[in-house]
PDB file of all heavy atoms in Angstrom:
ATOM      1  N   GLU A   1      90.859  97.958  85.252  1.00  0.00           N
ATOM      2  CA  GLU A   1      91.133  99.347  85.796  1.00  0.00           C
ATOM      3  C   GLU A   1      89.775 100.097  85.864  1.00  0.00           C
ATOM      4  O   GLU A   1      89.641 100.926  86.856  1.00  0.00           O
ATOM      5  CB  GLU A   1      92.047 100.053  84.852  1.00  0.00           C
ATOM      6  CG  GLU A   1      93.490  99.479  84.841  1.00  0.00           C
ATOM      7  CD  GLU A   1      94.267 100.012  83.669  1.00  0.00           C
ATOM      8  OE1 GLU A   1      93.690 100.279  82.598  1.00  0.00           O
ATOM      9  OE2 GLU A   1      95.499 100.128  83.838  1.00  0.00           O
ATOM     10  N   PHE A   2      88.855  99.896  84.989  1.00  0.00           N
ATOM     11  CA  PHE A   2      87.600 100.523  85.075  1.00  0.00           C
ATOM     12  C   PHE A   2      86.796 100.030  86.241  1.00  0.00           C
ATOM     13  O   PHE A   2      86.151 100.682  87.094  1.00  0.00           O
ATOM     14  CB  PHE A   2      86.813 100.429  83.762  1.00  0.00           C
ATOM     15  CG  PHE A   2      85.433 101.094  83.718  1.00  0.00           C
ATOM     16  CD1 PHE A   2      85.252 102.273  84.277  1.00  0.00           C
ATOM     17  CD2 PHE A   2      84.347 100.490  83.029  1.00  0.00           C
ATOM     18  CE1 PHE A   2      84.047 103.034  84.230  1.00  0.00           C
ATOM     19  CE2 PHE A   2      83.189 101.143  82.948  1.00  0.00           C
ATOM     20  CZ  PHE A   2      83.032 102.403  83.531  1.00  0.00           C
ATOM     21  N   VAL A   3      86.872  98.635  86.450  1.00  0.00           N
ATOM     22  CA  VAL A   3      86.187  98.066  87.612  1.00  0.00           C
ATOM     23  C   VAL A   3      86.725  98.579  88.920  1.00  0.00           C
ATOM     24  O   VAL A   3      86.011  98.901  89.844  1.00  0.00           O
ATOM     25  CB  VAL A   3      86.219  96.453  87.496  1.00  0.00           C
ATOM     26  CG1 VAL A   3      85.637  95.842  88.797  1.00  0.00           C
ATOM     27  CG2 VAL A   3      85.457  96.007  86.246  1.00  0.00           C
ATOM     28  N   GLU A   4      88.022  98.657  89.031  1.00  0.00           N
ATOM     29  CA  GLU A   4      88.637  99.230  90.227  1.00  0.00           C
ATOM     30  C   GLU A   4      88.212 100.688  90.454  1.00  0.00           C
ATOM     31  O   GLU A   4      87.922 101.059  91.590  1.00  0.00           O
ATOM     32  CB  GLU A   4      90.219  99.171  90.084  1.00  0.00           C
ATOM     33  CG  GLU A   4      90.738  97.720  90.143  1.00  0.00           C
ATOM     34  CD  GLU A   4      92.188  97.720  89.730  1.00  0.00           C
ATOM     35  OE1 GLU A   4      92.952  98.738  89.666  1.00  0.00           O
ATOM     36  OE2 GLU A   4      92.676  96.559  89.529  1.00  0.00           O
ATOM     37  N   HIS A   5      88.085 101.417  89.403  1.00  0.00           N
ATOM     38  CA  HIS A   5      87.641 102.843  89.443  1.00  0.00           C
ATOM     39  C   HIS A   5      86.213 102.839  89.958  1.00  0.00           C
ATOM     40  O   HIS A   5      85.870 103.615  90.872  1.00  0.00           O
ATOM     41  CB  HIS A   5      87.731 103.480  88.075  1.00  0.00           C
ATOM     42  CG  HIS A   5      87.169 104.824  87.988  1.00  0.00           C
ATOM     43  ND1 HIS A   5      87.717 105.948  88.429  1.00  0.00           N
ATOM     44  CD2 HIS A   5      85.936 105.215  87.439  1.00  0.00           C
ATOM     45  CE1 HIS A   5      86.963 106.979  88.127  1.00  0.00           C
ATOM     46  NE2 HIS A   5      85.872 106.553  87.556  1.00  0.00           N
ATOM     47  N   ILE A   6      85.367 101.996  89.467  1.00  0.00           N
ATOM     48  CA  ILE A   6      83.913 101.915  89.843  1.00  0.00           C
ATOM     49  C   ILE A   6      83.828 101.653  91.307  1.00  0.00           C
ATOM     50  O   ILE A   6      83.042 102.253  92.054  1.00  0.00           O
ATOM     51  CB  ILE A   6      83.147 100.830  89.068  1.00  0.00           C
ATOM     52  CG1 ILE A   6      83.006 101.304  87.559  1.00  0.00           C
ATOM     53  CG2 ILE A   6      81.759 100.534  89.652  1.00  0.00           C
ATOM     54  CD1 ILE A   6      82.474 100.278  86.645  1.00  0.00           C
ATOM     55  N   ARG A   7      84.631 100.666  91.783  1.00  0.00           N
ATOM     56  CA  ARG A   7      84.534 100.251  93.189  1.00  0.00           C
ATOM     57  C   ARG A   7      85.099 101.468  94.088  1.00  0.00           C
ATOM     58  O   ARG A   7      84.561 101.630  95.086  1.00  0.00           O
ATOM     59  CB  ARG A   7      85.366  99.025  93.443  1.00  0.00           C
ATOM     60  CG  ARG A   7      84.713  97.727  92.814  1.00  0.00           C
ATOM     61  CD  ARG A   7      85.644  96.589  92.905  1.00  0.00           C
ATOM     62  NE  ARG A   7      84.972  95.358  92.413  1.00  0.00           N
ATOM     63  CZ  ARG A   7      85.526  94.355  91.816  1.00  0.00           C
ATOM     64  NH1 ARG A   7      86.869  94.409  91.593  1.00  0.00           N
ATOM     65  NH2 ARG A   7      84.863  93.345  91.336  1.00  0.00           N
ATOM     66  N   ALA A   8      86.165 102.178  93.580  1.00  0.00           N
ATOM     67  CA  ALA A   8      86.752 103.254  94.364  1.00  0.00           C
ATOM     68  C   ALA A   8      85.665 104.373  94.514  1.00  0.00           C
ATOM     69  O   ALA A   8      85.729 105.151  95.437  1.00  0.00           O
ATOM     70  CB  ALA A   8      87.985 103.788  93.685  1.00  0.00           C
ATOM     71  N   MET A   9      84.802 104.494  93.449  1.00  0.00           N
ATOM     72  CA  MET A   9      83.773 105.497  93.492  1.00  0.00           C
ATOM     73  C   MET A   9      82.513 105.066  94.301  1.00  0.00           C
ATOM     74  O   MET A   9      81.496 105.665  94.258  1.00  0.00           O
ATOM     75  CB  MET A   9      83.345 105.836  92.097  1.00  0.00           C
ATOM     76  CG  MET A   9      84.443 106.404  91.177  1.00  0.00           C
ATOM     77  SD  MET A   9      85.193 107.887  91.800  1.00  0.00           S
ATOM     78  CE  MET A   9      83.804 109.027  91.609  1.00  0.00           C
ATOM     79  N   ASP A  10      82.621 103.933  94.926  1.00  0.00           N
ATOM     80  CA  ASP A  10      81.510 103.339  95.707  1.00  0.00           C
ATOM     81  C   ASP A  10      80.286 103.081  94.888  1.00  0.00           C
ATOM     82  O   ASP A  10      79.190 103.296  95.276  1.00  0.00           O
ATOM     83  CB  ASP A  10      81.221 104.197  96.977  1.00  0.00           C
ATOM     84  CG  ASP A  10      80.393 103.388  97.938  1.00  0.00           C
ATOM     85  OD1 ASP A  10      80.425 102.105  98.027  1.00  0.00           O
ATOM     86  OD2 ASP A  10      79.585 104.056  98.684  1.00  0.00           O
ATOM     87  N   TYR A  11      80.592 102.711  93.557  1.00  0.00           N
ATOM     88  CA  TYR A  11      79.472 102.396  92.636  1.00  0.00           C
ATOM     89  C   TYR A  11      78.542 103.504  92.305  1.00  0.00           C
ATOM     90  O   TYR A  11      77.448 103.347  91.784  1.00  0.00           O
ATOM     91  CB  TYR A  11      78.618 101.176  93.072  1.00  0.00           C
ATOM     92  CG  TYR A  11      79.523  99.984  93.448  1.00  0.00           C
ATOM     93  CD1 TYR A  11      79.874  99.768  94.838  1.00  0.00           C
ATOM     94  CD2 TYR A  11      79.894  99.041  92.533  1.00  0.00           C
ATOM     95  CE1 TYR A  11      80.773  98.678  95.214  1.00  0.00           C
ATOM     96  CE2 TYR A  11      80.730  97.963  92.900  1.00  0.00           C
ATOM     97  CZ  TYR A  11      81.077  97.788  94.211  1.00  0.00           C
ATOM     98  OH  TYR A  11      81.932  96.708  94.551  1.00  0.00           O
ATOM     99  N   LYS A  12      78.949 104.735  92.521  1.00  0.00           N
ATOM    100  CA  LYS A  12      78.156 105.945  92.227  1.00  0.00           C
ATOM    101  C   LYS A  12      78.935 106.865  91.316  1.00  0.00           C
ATOM    102  O   LYS A  12      79.886 107.600  91.718  1.00  0.00           O
ATOM    103  CB  LYS A  12      77.823 106.680  93.533  1.00  0.00           C
ATOM    104  CG  LYS A  12      77.067 105.823  94.503  1.00  0.00           C
ATOM    105  CD  LYS A  12      76.809 106.549  95.763  1.00  0.00           C
ATOM    106  CE  LYS A  12      76.113 105.621  96.787  1.00  0.00           C
ATOM    107  NZ  LYS A  12      77.008 105.367  97.895  1.00  0.00           N
ATOM    108  N   PRO A  13      78.500 106.928  90.025  1.00  0.00           N
ATOM    109  CA  PRO A  13      79.230 107.847  89.170  1.00  0.00           C
ATOM    110  C   PRO A  13      78.966 109.337  89.505  1.00  0.00           C
ATOM    111  O   PRO A  13      77.857 109.695  89.956  1.00  0.00           O
ATOM    112  CB  PRO A  13      78.605 107.540  87.755  1.00  0.00           C
ATOM    113  CG  PRO A  13      77.326 106.855  88.022  1.00  0.00           C
ATOM    114  CD  PRO A  13      77.463 106.231  89.385  1.00  0.00           C
ATOM    115  N   PRO A  14      80.015 110.075  89.497  1.00  0.00           N
ATOM    116  CA  PRO A  14      79.887 111.472  89.835  1.00  0.00           C
ATOM    117  C   PRO A  14      79.118 112.262  88.770  1.00  0.00           C
ATOM    118  O   PRO A  14      79.134 111.870  87.578  1.00  0.00           O
ATOM    119  CB  PRO A  14      81.341 112.034  89.958  1.00  0.00           C
ATOM    120  CG  PRO A  14      82.114 111.141  88.932  1.00  0.00           C
ATOM    121  CD  PRO A  14      81.411 109.768  89.044  1.00  0.00           C
ATOM    122  N   PRO A  15      78.532 113.390  89.149  1.00  0.00           N
ATOM    123  CA  PRO A  15      77.942 114.267  88.074  1.00  0.00           C
ATOM    124  C   PRO A  15      79.098 114.830  87.224  1.00  0.00           C
ATOM    125  O   PRO A  15      80.197 115.098  87.709  1.00  0.00           O
ATOM    126  CB  PRO A  15      77.256 115.364  88.855  1.00  0.00           C
ATOM    127  CG  PRO A  15      77.729 115.297  90.245  1.00  0.00           C
ATOM    128  CD  PRO A  15      78.345 113.911  90.442  1.00  0.00           C
ATOM    129  N   VAL A  16      78.824 114.954  85.934  1.00  0.00           N
ATOM    130  CA  VAL A  16      79.883 115.401  84.945  1.00  0.00           C
ATOM    131  C   VAL A  16      79.428 116.803  84.537  1.00  0.00           C
ATOM    132  O   VAL A  16      78.365 116.926  83.876  1.00  0.00           O
ATOM    133  CB  VAL A  16      80.041 114.444  83.774  1.00  0.00           C
ATOM    134  CG1 VAL A  16      81.154 114.985  82.880  1.00  0.00           C
ATOM    135  CG2 VAL A  16      80.315 113.043  84.305  1.00  0.00           C
ATOM    136  N   PRO A  17      80.265 117.759  84.840  1.00  0.00           N
ATOM    137  CA  PRO A  17      79.859 119.236  84.424  1.00  0.00           C
ATOM    138  C   PRO A  17      79.858 119.313  82.871  1.00  0.00           C
ATOM    139  O   PRO A  17      80.479 118.586  82.138  1.00  0.00           O
ATOM    140  CB  PRO A  17      80.998 120.045  85.002  1.00  0.00           C
ATOM    141  CG  PRO A  17      81.906 119.230  85.686  1.00  0.00           C
ATOM    142  CD  PRO A  17      81.553 117.803  85.527  1.00  0.00           C
ATOM    143  N   GLU A  18      78.977 120.194  82.419  1.00  0.00           N
ATOM    144  CA  GLU A  18      78.847 120.399  80.906  1.00  0.00           C
ATOM    145  C   GLU A  18      80.218 120.723  80.277  1.00  0.00           C
ATOM    146  O   GLU A  18      80.503 120.275  79.161  1.00  0.00           O
ATOM    147  CB  GLU A  18      77.838 121.506  80.662  1.00  0.00           C
ATOM    148  CG  GLU A  18      77.585 121.748  79.188  1.00  0.00           C
ATOM    149  CD  GLU A  18      76.561 122.787  78.918  1.00  0.00           C
ATOM    150  OE1 GLU A  18      75.897 123.268  79.888  1.00  0.00           O
ATOM    151  OE2 GLU A  18      76.408 123.157  77.779  1.00  0.00           O
ATOM    152  N   SER A  19      81.041 121.445  80.909  1.00  0.00           N
ATOM    153  CA  SER A  19      82.387 121.909  80.400  1.00  0.00           C
ATOM    154  C   SER A  19      83.188 120.558  80.140  1.00  0.00           C
ATOM    155  O   SER A  19      83.948 120.518  79.132  1.00  0.00           O
ATOM    156  CB  SER A  19      83.067 122.837  81.254  1.00  0.00           C
ATOM    157  OG  SER A  19      83.330 122.250  82.538  1.00  0.00           O
ATOM    158  N   ARG A  20      83.102 119.620  80.972  1.00  0.00           N
ATOM    159  CA  ARG A  20      83.878 118.377  80.824  1.00  0.00           C
ATOM    160  C   ARG A  20      83.239 117.562  79.683  1.00  0.00           C
ATOM    161  O   ARG A  20      83.982 116.942  78.891  1.00  0.00           O
ATOM    162  CB  ARG A  20      83.852 117.479  82.049  1.00  0.00           C
ATOM    163  CG  ARG A  20      84.590 116.243  81.974  1.00  0.00           C
ATOM    164  CD  ARG A  20      86.074 116.363  81.687  1.00  0.00           C
ATOM    165  NE  ARG A  20      86.726 115.093  81.583  1.00  0.00           N
ATOM    166  CZ  ARG A  20      87.675 114.752  80.669  1.00  0.00           C
ATOM    167  NH1 ARG A  20      88.128 115.667  79.846  1.00  0.00           N
ATOM    168  NH2 ARG A  20      88.160 113.567  80.638  1.00  0.00           N
ATOM    169  N   LEU A  21      81.974 117.543  79.551  1.00  0.00           N
ATOM    170  CA  LEU A  21      81.297 116.860  78.429  1.00  0.00           C
ATOM    171  C   LEU A  21      81.742 117.486  77.077  1.00  0.00           C
ATOM    172  O   LEU A  21      81.982 116.698  76.147  1.00  0.00           O
ATOM    173  CB  LEU A  21      79.793 116.875  78.581  1.00  0.00           C
ATOM    174  CG  LEU A  21      79.176 116.135  79.790  1.00  0.00           C
ATOM    175  CD1 LEU A  21      77.651 116.382  79.911  1.00  0.00           C
ATOM    176  CD2 LEU A  21      79.522 114.646  79.721  1.00  0.00           C
ATOM    177  N   ILE A  22      81.760 118.770  77.003  1.00  0.00           N
ATOM    178  CA  ILE A  22      82.229 119.395  75.819  1.00  0.00           C
ATOM    179  C   ILE A  22      83.685 119.059  75.495  1.00  0.00           C
ATOM    180  O   ILE A  22      84.071 118.760  74.388  1.00  0.00           O
ATOM    181  CB  ILE A  22      82.005 120.959  75.925  1.00  0.00           C
ATOM    182  CG1 ILE A  22      80.509 121.173  75.919  1.00  0.00           C
ATOM    183  CG2 ILE A  22      82.657 121.680  74.735  1.00  0.00           C
ATOM    184  CD1 ILE A  22      80.117 122.709  76.287  1.00  0.00           C
ATOM    185  N   ASP A  23      84.526 119.078  76.511  1.00  0.00           N
ATOM    186  CA  ASP A  23      85.917 118.772  76.396  1.00  0.00           C
ATOM    187  C   ASP A  23      86.055 117.285  75.821  1.00  0.00           C
ATOM    188  O   ASP A  23      86.832 117.083  74.858  1.00  0.00           O
ATOM    189  CB  ASP A  23      86.691 118.890  77.696  1.00  0.00           C
ATOM    190  CG  ASP A  23      88.146 118.599  77.593  1.00  0.00           C
ATOM    191  OD1 ASP A  23      88.788 119.236  76.726  1.00  0.00           O
ATOM    192  OD2 ASP A  23      88.634 117.680  78.302  1.00  0.00           O
ATOM    193  N   ILE A  24      85.316 116.380  76.408  1.00  0.00           N
ATOM    194  CA  ILE A  24      85.328 115.006  75.968  1.00  0.00           C
ATOM    195  C   ILE A  24      84.867 114.932  74.464  1.00  0.00           C
ATOM    196  O   ILE A  24      85.491 114.195  73.651  1.00  0.00           O
ATOM    197  CB  ILE A  24      84.454 114.103  76.771  1.00  0.00           C
ATOM    198  CG1 ILE A  24      85.065 113.933  78.205  1.00  0.00           C
ATOM    199  CG2 ILE A  24      84.344 112.674  76.249  1.00  0.00           C
ATOM    200  CD1 ILE A  24      84.230 113.320  79.227  1.00  0.00           C
ATOM    201  N   ALA A  25      83.732 115.560  74.110  1.00  0.00           N
ATOM    202  CA  ALA A  25      83.209 115.542  72.776  1.00  0.00           C
ATOM    203  C   ALA A  25      84.291 116.099  71.753  1.00  0.00           C
ATOM    204  O   ALA A  25      84.447 115.541  70.710  1.00  0.00           O
ATOM    205  CB  ALA A  25      81.990 116.330  72.689  1.00  0.00           C
TER     206      ALA A  25
END
């Protein structure tokens, strides 16, 4: 599922906003 996600993103991870990083943490 992660590999499919990577391919769907065209191998380019999006920028992650600081608010999302804090939420994940």
